[in-house]
């Protein structure tokens, strides 16, 4: 059974960019999602109006860059940097 796709909130996008010190254009370059779409998504705190494809692309590049998204767990959803793995 396939679960519900994980959403990404506007506040999580803003937080992830801040953690990585990425400008919006960095996210555009890495994800292929337009600047206007990123700006609209970041303008809301909650669920964005992004298509599933765009939201997945944004989430994928953030996770590849070391961001871990924290789901609602009583303290609210968020984003954090993953601990580096020891070699």
Protein backbone atom coordinates (compact mmCIF):
# COMPACT_ATOMS: atom_id res chain seq x y z
CA UNK A 1 0.00 0.00 0.00
CA UNK A 2 1.32 3.43 -0.92
CA UNK A 3 1.11 6.02 1.85
CA UNK A 4 0.09 9.62 1.52
CA UNK A 5 2.85 11.73 -0.05
CA UNK A 6 4.74 13.78 2.51
CA UNK A 7 3.80 17.41 2.19
CA UNK A 8 6.16 20.30 2.72
CA UNK A 9 4.94 23.48 4.39
CA UNK A 10 5.87 27.00 3.37
CA UNK A 11 7.47 27.57 6.78
CA UNK A 12 9.57 24.41 6.32
CA UNK A 13 10.84 25.67 2.95
CA UNK A 14 11.86 28.99 4.49
CA UNK A 15 13.52 27.23 7.43
CA UNK A 16 15.40 24.77 5.21
CA UNK A 17 16.73 27.56 3.00
CA UNK A 18 17.87 29.47 6.06
CA UNK A 19 19.67 26.42 7.49
CA UNK A 20 21.51 25.91 4.21
CA UNK A 21 22.03 29.65 3.69
CA UNK A 22 20.47 29.32 0.24
CA UNK A 23 18.89 32.19 -1.60
CA UNK A 24 15.63 31.44 -3.40
CA UNK A 25 17.56 31.33 -6.68
CA UNK A 26 19.74 28.53 -5.25
CA UNK A 27 16.62 26.46 -4.61
CA UNK A 28 15.34 27.29 -8.11
CA UNK A 29 18.63 26.11 -9.63
CA UNK A 30 18.76 22.90 -7.62
CA UNK A 31 15.08 21.89 -7.88
CA UNK A 32 14.04 23.19 -11.29
CA UNK A 33 10.98 24.79 -9.69
CA UNK A 34 10.28 28.36 -10.81
CA UNK A 35 11.09 31.35 -8.62
CA UNK A 36 7.45 32.47 -8.68
CA UNK A 37 6.34 29.06 -7.39
CA UNK A 38 8.93 29.12 -4.61
CA UNK A 39 7.92 32.64 -3.60
CA UNK A 40 4.22 31.73 -3.51
CA UNK A 41 4.95 28.61 -1.45
CA UNK A 42 7.07 30.53 1.05
CA UNK A 43 4.39 33.20 1.47
CA UNK A 44 2.23 30.76 3.47
CA UNK A 45 3.10 29.08 6.75
CA UNK A 46 0.99 25.99 6.15
CA UNK A 47 0.33 23.71 3.22
CA UNK A 48 1.37 25.19 -0.11
CA UNK A 49 -0.50 25.14 -3.41
CA UNK A 50 2.49 23.54 -5.17
CA UNK A 51 1.87 20.55 -7.38
CA UNK A 52 2.97 17.20 -6.01
CA UNK A 53 5.80 17.13 -8.57
CA UNK A 54 7.14 20.54 -7.49
CA UNK A 55 6.79 19.81 -3.78
CA UNK A 56 8.57 16.47 -4.25
CA UNK A 57 11.40 18.14 -6.19
CA UNK A 58 11.89 20.75 -3.47
CA UNK A 59 11.80 18.17 -0.69
CA UNK A 60 14.21 15.87 -2.57
CA UNK A 61 16.89 18.55 -3.09
CA UNK A 62 16.66 19.70 0.52
CA UNK A 63 17.02 16.15 1.81
CA UNK A 64 19.98 15.55 -0.52
CA UNK A 65 21.58 18.72 0.91
CA UNK A 66 21.27 17.41 4.48
CA UNK A 67 17.91 18.71 5.65
CA UNK A 68 15.67 16.49 7.72
CA UNK A 69 12.01 17.44 7.87
CA UNK A 70 10.32 17.01 11.22
CA UNK A 71 6.67 16.06 10.97
CA UNK A 72 4.00 17.24 13.39
CA UNK A 73 4.90 15.63 16.71
CA UNK A 74 3.27 17.81 19.31
CA UNK A 75 5.87 20.54 18.93
CA UNK A 76 4.90 21.37 15.37
CA UNK A 77 6.52 20.56 12.03
CA UNK A 78 9.97 21.88 11.25
CA UNK A 79 13.32 21.35 9.56
CA UNK A 80 16.79 20.63 10.89
CA UNK A 81 20.21 19.69 9.61
CA UNK A 82 21.03 15.99 9.83
CA UNK A 83 23.92 14.99 12.00
CA UNK A 84 26.93 14.17 9.84
CA UNK A 85 27.58 10.45 9.61
CA UNK A 86 30.92 9.22 10.90
CA UNK A 87 33.15 7.71 8.24
